[in-house]
Structures are given as structure tokens and as C-alpha cells.
Amino acid sequence: MAEVKAKKSVKKNVQTGYVSIQSTFNNTIISICDENGELLVQGSPAVVGFKGSKRSTAFAATKAAMQAGEVAVKKYGLREVKVVIKGPGAGRNAAVKGLDSVGLKVTQLIDKTPLPHNGCRPRKLPRK
């Protein structure tokens, strides 16, 4: 029988990283990555304990960002982040405030919300 060796987990010490916030009308997803784009921590309002329509609130996004930020600071020693925001939801600015309150220094704030440049034709309006 061949022995199976378990991989040793190397403790990373990351100073700077990226935070991508995907904010929809129903949820807010926060992903914290290092400089290479490898995922360190992920959080959403459902992980914190919000269910149903409460996940779409700004308060839930703040709590989710705070929880993800705390884990990133304690486990990886993260200090500075560049924040990329996508989507039209209510948790956009609230998640950034949550990251700031944990002690992460936001060095850059980028809005990458996908906007159509008059691409697809909209559906026809219903008759009145």
C-alpha cells in the first residue's frame, strides 16, 4: 500500500489584497483575494445568519464585510485592500464601510458595474 501524504498548509502573510463586492438586488457577495488573485476569504449575509429578504439590506452587507474582513486580518495579516464593486444592489457602499470599520485601509475604489453600450434591443412595451 502506498502512503498518502497530506498537504501541509502554509500560513500566508499577506499585506495587500483585493476585495471584490458583487452586489445584486437580493444578495451581496464579498471575496477577499491576495495580489495574485488567490481567494483568501469569502463572505455573504447568509454566512453571518441573514435569511430571505433580509440578505438584501445594507446592514446585512455591512455585517458580512466585517466578518470576512476580521478573518482576513486575523488569519492572513491583511492591511491594505483595493476594492472592486460590481452590481446595483443596496450593499455596495455599506460593504465598503464594513471593511473600513474592521481596520482595512482602502487604497483604491473601482466601480466595474456592467453597463450596456446600447447593445441588446429592449423588449417591446406592453399595450395600454
N, C-alpha and C. Protein backbone atom coordinates (compact mmCIF):
# COMPACT_ATOMS: atom_id res chain seq x y z
N MET A 1 0.82 -1.19 0.00
CA MET A 1 0.00 0.00 0.00
C MET A 1 0.86 1.25 0.00
N ALA A 2 0.47 2.20 -0.83
CA ALA A 2 1.21 3.46 -0.91
C ALA A 2 0.66 4.43 0.14
N GLU A 3 1.57 5.12 0.80
CA GLU A 3 1.13 6.08 1.80
C GLU A 3 0.67 7.37 1.13
N VAL A 4 -0.40 7.91 1.65
CA VAL A 4 -0.93 9.16 1.13
C VAL A 4 -0.50 10.26 2.08
N LYS A 5 0.28 11.20 1.57
CA LYS A 5 0.76 12.30 2.40
C LYS A 5 -0.21 13.47 2.29
N ALA A 6 -0.54 14.04 3.42
CA ALA A 6 -1.42 15.21 3.45
C ALA A 6 -0.60 16.45 3.14
N LYS A 7 -1.21 17.36 2.41
CA LYS A 7 -0.52 18.61 2.09
C LYS A 7 -0.42 19.47 3.34
N LYS A 8 0.75 20.06 3.56
CA LYS A 8 0.92 20.98 4.68
C LYS A 8 0.39 22.34 4.27
N SER A 9 -0.43 22.92 5.14
CA SER A 9 -0.95 24.25 4.85
C SER A 9 0.08 25.29 5.28
N VAL A 10 0.49 26.10 4.34
CA VAL A 10 1.48 27.13 4.62
C VAL A 10 0.73 28.38 5.06
N LYS A 11 1.11 28.93 6.20
CA LYS A 11 0.46 30.14 6.68
C LYS A 11 0.96 31.33 5.88
N LYS A 12 0.04 31.95 5.16
CA LYS A 12 0.40 33.11 4.35
C LYS A 12 0.39 34.36 5.22
N ASN A 13 1.29 35.28 4.87
CA ASN A 13 1.28 36.59 5.50
C ASN A 13 1.14 37.60 4.38
N VAL A 14 -0.08 38.08 4.18
CA VAL A 14 -0.40 38.94 3.06
C VAL A 14 -0.63 40.36 3.58
N GLN A 15 0.08 41.33 3.01
CA GLN A 15 -0.09 42.72 3.43
C GLN A 15 -1.17 43.43 2.63
N THR A 16 -1.16 43.23 1.30
CA THR A 16 -2.13 43.91 0.44
C THR A 16 -2.94 42.88 -0.32
N GLY A 17 -4.15 43.27 -0.72
CA GLY A 17 -5.01 42.35 -1.45
C GLY A 17 -6.12 43.08 -2.16
N TYR A 18 -7.02 42.29 -2.74
CA TYR A 18 -8.17 42.81 -3.48
C TYR A 18 -9.44 42.33 -2.80
N VAL A 19 -10.44 43.19 -2.79
CA VAL A 19 -11.77 42.81 -2.33
C VAL A 19 -12.74 43.06 -3.46
N SER A 20 -13.44 42.02 -3.90
CA SER A 20 -14.46 42.22 -4.92
C SER A 20 -15.83 42.05 -4.27
N ILE A 21 -16.68 43.04 -4.48
CA ILE A 21 -18.02 43.05 -3.90
C ILE A 21 -19.02 42.93 -5.03
N GLN A 22 -19.74 41.80 -5.09
CA GLN A 22 -20.78 41.59 -6.08
C GLN A 22 -22.11 41.84 -5.39
N SER A 23 -22.76 42.95 -5.76
CA SER A 23 -23.97 43.36 -5.06
C SER A 23 -25.16 43.29 -6.00
N THR A 24 -26.06 42.34 -5.74
CA THR A 24 -27.28 42.22 -6.53
C THR A 24 -28.44 42.78 -5.71
N PHE A 25 -29.64 42.72 -6.26
CA PHE A 25 -30.79 43.22 -5.52
C PHE A 25 -31.20 42.26 -4.40
N ASN A 26 -30.72 41.01 -4.46
CA ASN A 26 -31.12 40.02 -3.46
C ASN A 26 -30.01 39.61 -2.50
N ASN A 27 -28.74 39.91 -2.82
CA ASN A 27 -27.63 39.40 -2.02
C ASN A 27 -26.39 40.26 -2.25
N THR A 28 -25.40 40.12 -1.39
CA THR A 28 -24.11 40.77 -1.55
C THR A 28 -23.03 39.75 -1.24
N ILE A 29 -22.10 39.53 -2.19
CA ILE A 29 -21.05 38.54 -2.01
C ILE A 29 -19.71 39.27 -1.94
N ILE A 30 -18.94 39.01 -0.89
CA ILE A 30 -17.65 39.66 -0.68
C ILE A 30 -16.56 38.60 -0.81
N SER A 31 -15.58 38.84 -1.71
CA SER A 31 -14.46 37.92 -1.88
C SER A 31 -13.17 38.69 -1.65
N ILE A 32 -12.31 38.19 -0.76
CA ILE A 32 -11.04 38.84 -0.46
C ILE A 32 -9.93 37.95 -1.01
N CYS A 33 -9.11 38.54 -1.90
CA CYS A 33 -8.03 37.80 -2.57
C CYS A 33 -6.70 38.46 -2.27
N ASP A 34 -5.60 37.71 -2.54
CA ASP A 34 -4.28 38.31 -2.43
C ASP A 34 -3.90 38.96 -3.76
N GLU A 35 -2.67 39.42 -3.88
CA GLU A 35 -2.22 40.13 -5.09
C GLU A 35 -2.28 39.25 -6.33
N ASN A 36 -2.10 37.93 -6.18
CA ASN A 36 -2.12 37.02 -7.32
C ASN A 36 -3.52 36.63 -7.74
N GLY A 37 -4.52 37.00 -6.94
CA GLY A 37 -5.90 36.65 -7.25
C GLY A 37 -6.37 35.36 -6.61
N GLU A 38 -5.56 34.80 -5.68
CA GLU A 38 -5.97 33.59 -4.99
C GLU A 38 -6.90 33.94 -3.83
N LEU A 39 -8.02 33.26 -3.76
CA LEU A 39 -9.05 33.56 -2.77
C LEU A 39 -8.57 33.25 -1.36
N LEU A 40 -8.71 34.23 -0.47
CA LEU A 40 -8.36 34.04 0.94
C LEU A 40 -9.62 33.81 1.77
N VAL A 41 -10.57 34.73 1.67
CA VAL A 41 -11.80 34.68 2.48
C VAL A 41 -12.98 35.05 1.60
N GLN A 42 -14.10 34.41 1.87
CA GLN A 42 -15.33 34.75 1.16
C GLN A 42 -16.44 34.92 2.18
N GLY A 43 -17.32 35.87 1.94
CA GLY A 43 -18.41 36.09 2.89
C GLY A 43 -19.66 36.59 2.20
N SER A 44 -20.79 36.32 2.83
CA SER A 44 -22.08 36.82 2.35
C SER A 44 -23.00 36.94 3.55
N PRO A 45 -24.09 37.66 3.42
CA PRO A 45 -25.02 37.80 4.55
C PRO A 45 -25.58 36.47 5.05
N ALA A 46 -25.68 35.46 4.18
CA ALA A 46 -26.20 34.16 4.61
C ALA A 46 -25.24 33.47 5.57
N VAL A 47 -23.92 33.69 5.40
CA VAL A 47 -22.92 33.09 6.29
C VAL A 47 -23.05 33.69 7.69
N VAL A 48 -23.37 34.99 7.75
CA VAL A 48 -23.48 35.67 9.04
C VAL A 48 -24.77 35.28 9.76
N GLY A 49 -25.81 34.90 8.99
CA GLY A 49 -27.05 34.45 9.62
C GLY A 49 -28.31 35.14 9.13
N PHE A 50 -28.21 35.92 8.05
CA PHE A 50 -29.39 36.57 7.49
C PHE A 50 -30.05 35.65 6.47
N LYS A 51 -31.37 35.54 6.53
CA LYS A 51 -32.10 34.67 5.60
C LYS A 51 -33.17 35.47 4.87
N GLY A 52 -33.52 35.01 3.69
CA GLY A 52 -34.64 35.59 2.94
C GLY A 52 -34.36 37.01 2.49
N SER A 53 -35.37 37.86 2.64
CA SER A 53 -35.27 39.23 2.12
C SER A 53 -34.34 40.10 2.96
N LYS A 54 -33.96 39.64 4.16
CA LYS A 54 -33.04 40.43 4.98
C LYS A 54 -31.62 40.44 4.41
N ARG A 55 -31.31 39.45 3.55
CA ARG A 55 -29.97 39.40 2.94
C ARG A 55 -29.72 40.59 2.02
N SER A 56 -30.78 41.18 1.48
CA SER A 56 -30.61 42.25 0.51
C SER A 56 -30.41 43.62 1.15
N THR A 57 -30.40 43.71 2.47
CA THR A 57 -30.29 45.00 3.13
C THR A 57 -28.83 45.45 3.23
N ALA A 58 -28.66 46.74 3.44
CA ALA A 58 -27.33 47.31 3.58
C ALA A 58 -26.69 46.87 4.90
N PHE A 59 -27.49 46.69 5.94
CA PHE A 59 -26.98 46.26 7.23
C PHE A 59 -26.37 44.86 7.14
N ALA A 60 -27.04 43.99 6.41
CA ALA A 60 -26.53 42.62 6.23
C ALA A 60 -25.21 42.63 5.47
N ALA A 61 -25.09 43.50 4.47
CA ALA A 61 -23.85 43.61 3.71
C ALA A 61 -22.72 44.11 4.59
N THR A 62 -23.02 45.06 5.49
CA THR A 62 -22.01 45.57 6.41
C THR A 62 -21.50 44.48 7.33
N LYS A 63 -22.42 43.70 7.89
CA LYS A 63 -22.04 42.63 8.81
C LYS A 63 -21.22 41.55 8.09
N ALA A 64 -21.60 41.23 6.86
CA ALA A 64 -20.87 40.21 6.10
C ALA A 64 -19.45 40.68 5.78
N ALA A 65 -19.32 41.95 5.40
CA ALA A 65 -18.00 42.51 5.09
C ALA A 65 -17.13 42.57 6.34
N MET A 66 -17.73 42.91 7.47
CA MET A 66 -16.98 42.97 8.72
C MET A 66 -16.47 41.58 9.11
N GLN A 67 -17.32 40.57 8.96
CA GLN A 67 -16.93 39.20 9.32
C GLN A 67 -15.81 38.71 8.43
N ALA A 68 -15.93 38.93 7.12
CA ALA A 68 -14.90 38.49 6.17
C ALA A 68 -13.60 39.26 6.40
N GLY A 69 -13.70 40.56 6.69
CA GLY A 69 -12.53 41.38 6.94
C GLY A 69 -11.79 40.97 8.21
N GLU A 70 -12.54 40.64 9.25
CA GLU A 70 -11.91 40.20 10.51
C GLU A 70 -11.12 38.92 10.32
N VAL A 71 -11.69 37.97 9.57
CA VAL A 71 -10.99 36.71 9.31
C VAL A 71 -9.71 36.96 8.52
N ALA A 72 -9.80 37.86 7.51
CA ALA A 72 -8.63 38.17 6.68
C ALA A 72 -7.53 38.85 7.49
N VAL A 73 -7.90 39.72 8.41
CA VAL A 73 -6.91 40.43 9.22
C VAL A 73 -6.26 39.47 10.22
N LYS A 74 -7.07 38.64 10.90
CA LYS A 74 -6.53 37.74 11.92
C LYS A 74 -5.73 36.60 11.31
N LYS A 75 -6.25 35.99 10.26
CA LYS A 75 -5.62 34.79 9.72
C LYS A 75 -4.45 35.10 8.80
N TYR A 76 -4.56 36.17 8.00
CA TYR A 76 -3.54 36.46 6.99
C TYR A 76 -2.77 37.75 7.23
N GLY A 77 -3.18 38.57 8.18
CA GLY A 77 -2.48 39.82 8.47
C GLY A 77 -2.67 40.88 7.41
N LEU A 78 -3.82 40.89 6.78
CA LEU A 78 -4.11 41.83 5.70
C LEU A 78 -4.22 43.25 6.25
N ARG A 79 -3.67 44.23 5.53
CA ARG A 79 -3.71 45.63 5.99
C ARG A 79 -4.37 46.56 4.99
N GLU A 80 -3.93 46.48 3.71
CA GLU A 80 -4.45 47.39 2.67
C GLU A 80 -5.18 46.59 1.60
N VAL A 81 -6.27 47.16 1.10
CA VAL A 81 -7.03 46.48 0.06
C VAL A 81 -7.45 47.46 -1.03
N LYS A 82 -7.56 46.93 -2.24
CA LYS A 82 -8.18 47.64 -3.34
C LYS A 82 -9.55 47.02 -3.53
N VAL A 83 -10.58 47.85 -3.58
CA VAL A 83 -11.95 47.36 -3.62
C VAL A 83 -12.53 47.52 -5.02
N VAL A 84 -13.10 46.43 -5.55
CA VAL A 84 -13.77 46.43 -6.85
C VAL A 84 -15.23 46.11 -6.60
N ILE A 85 -16.13 47.03 -7.00
CA ILE A 85 -17.56 46.88 -6.76
C ILE A 85 -18.27 46.60 -8.08
N LYS A 86 -19.16 45.59 -8.07
CA LYS A 86 -19.98 45.29 -9.24
C LYS A 86 -21.42 45.17 -8.79
N GLY A 87 -22.33 45.69 -9.60
CA GLY A 87 -23.75 45.48 -9.36
C GLY A 87 -24.48 46.67 -8.77
N PRO A 88 -25.82 46.64 -8.87
CA PRO A 88 -26.65 47.79 -8.47
C PRO A 88 -27.27 47.67 -7.09
N GLY A 89 -26.91 46.71 -6.27
CA GLY A 89 -27.62 46.42 -5.03
C GLY A 89 -27.42 47.45 -3.93
N ALA A 90 -28.15 47.22 -2.82
CA ALA A 90 -28.14 48.15 -1.69
C ALA A 90 -26.87 48.02 -0.86
N GLY A 91 -26.13 46.92 -0.98
CA GLY A 91 -24.99 46.69 -0.12
C GLY A 91 -23.67 47.20 -0.65
N ARG A 92 -23.69 48.00 -1.70
CA ARG A 92 -22.44 48.47 -2.32
C ARG A 92 -21.60 49.28 -1.35
N ASN A 93 -22.12 50.42 -0.93
CA ASN A 93 -21.36 51.32 -0.07
C ASN A 93 -21.26 50.78 1.36
N ALA A 94 -22.28 50.05 1.77
CA ALA A 94 -22.30 49.52 3.13
C ALA A 94 -21.19 48.50 3.35
N ALA A 95 -20.90 47.68 2.34
CA ALA A 95 -19.83 46.69 2.47
C ALA A 95 -18.47 47.37 2.58
N VAL A 96 -18.27 48.46 1.86
CA VAL A 96 -17.01 49.20 1.94
C VAL A 96 -16.85 49.80 3.34
N LYS A 97 -17.94 50.31 3.91
CA LYS A 97 -17.90 50.85 5.27
C LYS A 97 -17.57 49.76 6.28
N GLY A 98 -18.11 48.57 6.06
CA GLY A 98 -17.81 47.44 6.94
C GLY A 98 -16.35 47.06 6.91
N LEU A 99 -15.75 47.06 5.72
CA LEU A 99 -14.32 46.76 5.59
C LEU A 99 -13.48 47.82 6.30
N ASP A 100 -13.91 49.07 6.16
CA ASP A 100 -13.17 50.18 6.77
C ASP A 100 -13.23 50.10 8.30
N SER A 101 -14.38 49.69 8.83
CA SER A 101 -14.54 49.65 10.29
C SER A 101 -13.72 48.53 10.93
N VAL A 102 -13.36 47.51 10.16
CA VAL A 102 -12.53 46.42 10.69
C VAL A 102 -11.09 46.85 10.85
N GLY A 103 -10.66 47.84 10.06
CA GLY A 103 -9.29 48.32 10.14
C GLY A 103 -8.53 48.15 8.85
N LEU A 104 -9.20 47.70 7.79
CA LEU A 104 -8.55 47.59 6.49
C LEU A 104 -8.49 48.96 5.84
N LYS A 105 -7.33 49.31 5.32
CA LYS A 105 -7.16 50.60 4.65
C LYS A 105 -7.51 50.42 3.18
N VAL A 106 -8.53 51.15 2.71
CA VAL A 106 -8.97 51.07 1.32
C VAL A 106 -8.13 52.05 0.52
N THR A 107 -7.25 51.52 -0.35
CA THR A 107 -6.36 52.38 -1.12
C THR A 107 -6.95 52.78 -2.46
N GLN A 108 -7.81 51.93 -3.02
CA GLN A 108 -8.40 52.23 -4.33
C GLN A 108 -9.81 51.68 -4.36
N LEU A 109 -10.72 52.44 -4.98
CA LEU A 109 -12.12 52.05 -5.08
C LEU A 109 -12.52 52.09 -6.55
N ILE A 110 -12.85 50.93 -7.11
CA ILE A 110 -13.15 50.81 -8.53
C ILE A 110 -14.57 50.32 -8.69
N ASP A 111 -15.33 50.95 -9.59
CA ASP A 111 -16.69 50.52 -9.90
C ASP A 111 -16.70 49.86 -11.27
N LYS A 112 -16.93 48.55 -11.30
CA LYS A 112 -16.96 47.80 -12.56
C LYS A 112 -18.36 47.27 -12.85
N THR A 113 -19.38 48.07 -12.55
CA THR A 113 -20.75 47.65 -12.81
C THR A 113 -20.94 47.53 -14.33
N PRO A 114 -21.40 46.36 -14.80
CA PRO A 114 -21.59 46.20 -16.24
C PRO A 114 -22.74 47.06 -16.75
N LEU A 115 -22.42 47.96 -17.67
CA LEU A 115 -23.43 48.82 -18.27
C LEU A 115 -23.48 48.56 -19.77
N PRO A 116 -24.68 48.42 -20.33
CA PRO A 116 -24.76 48.19 -21.77
C PRO A 116 -24.44 49.46 -22.55
N HIS A 117 -23.65 49.32 -23.61
CA HIS A 117 -23.38 50.44 -24.51
C HIS A 117 -24.32 50.32 -25.71
N ASN A 118 -25.61 50.38 -25.41
CA ASN A 118 -26.68 50.21 -26.41
C ASN A 118 -26.48 48.92 -27.21
N GLY A 119 -26.36 47.81 -26.50
CA GLY A 119 -26.15 46.52 -27.13
C GLY A 119 -27.45 45.86 -27.56
N CYS A 120 -28.11 45.17 -26.65
CA CYS A 120 -29.32 44.43 -26.99
C CYS A 120 -30.52 45.36 -27.05
N ARG A 121 -31.45 45.01 -27.94
CA ARG A 121 -32.67 45.80 -28.08
C ARG A 121 -33.62 45.42 -26.93
N PRO A 122 -34.19 46.43 -26.24
CA PRO A 122 -35.09 46.11 -25.13
C PRO A 122 -36.39 45.49 -25.63
N ARG A 123 -37.08 44.77 -24.76
CA ARG A 123 -38.34 44.15 -25.16
C ARG A 123 -39.39 45.19 -25.41
N LYS A 124 -40.36 44.83 -26.26
CA LYS A 124 -41.37 45.82 -26.64
C LYS A 124 -42.27 46.15 -25.44
N LEU A 125 -42.74 47.42 -25.38
CA LEU A 125 -43.57 47.85 -24.29
C LEU A 125 -44.98 47.26 -24.43
N PRO A 126 -45.62 46.86 -23.33
CA PRO A 126 -46.97 46.32 -23.43
C PRO A 126 -47.98 47.39 -23.84
N ARG A 127 -49.04 46.92 -24.51
CA ARG A 127 -50.08 47.87 -24.96
C ARG A 127 -50.87 48.40 -23.78
N LYS A 128 -51.36 49.65 -23.96
CA LYS A 128 -52.18 50.24 -22.89
C LYS A 128 -53.60 50.36 -23.35
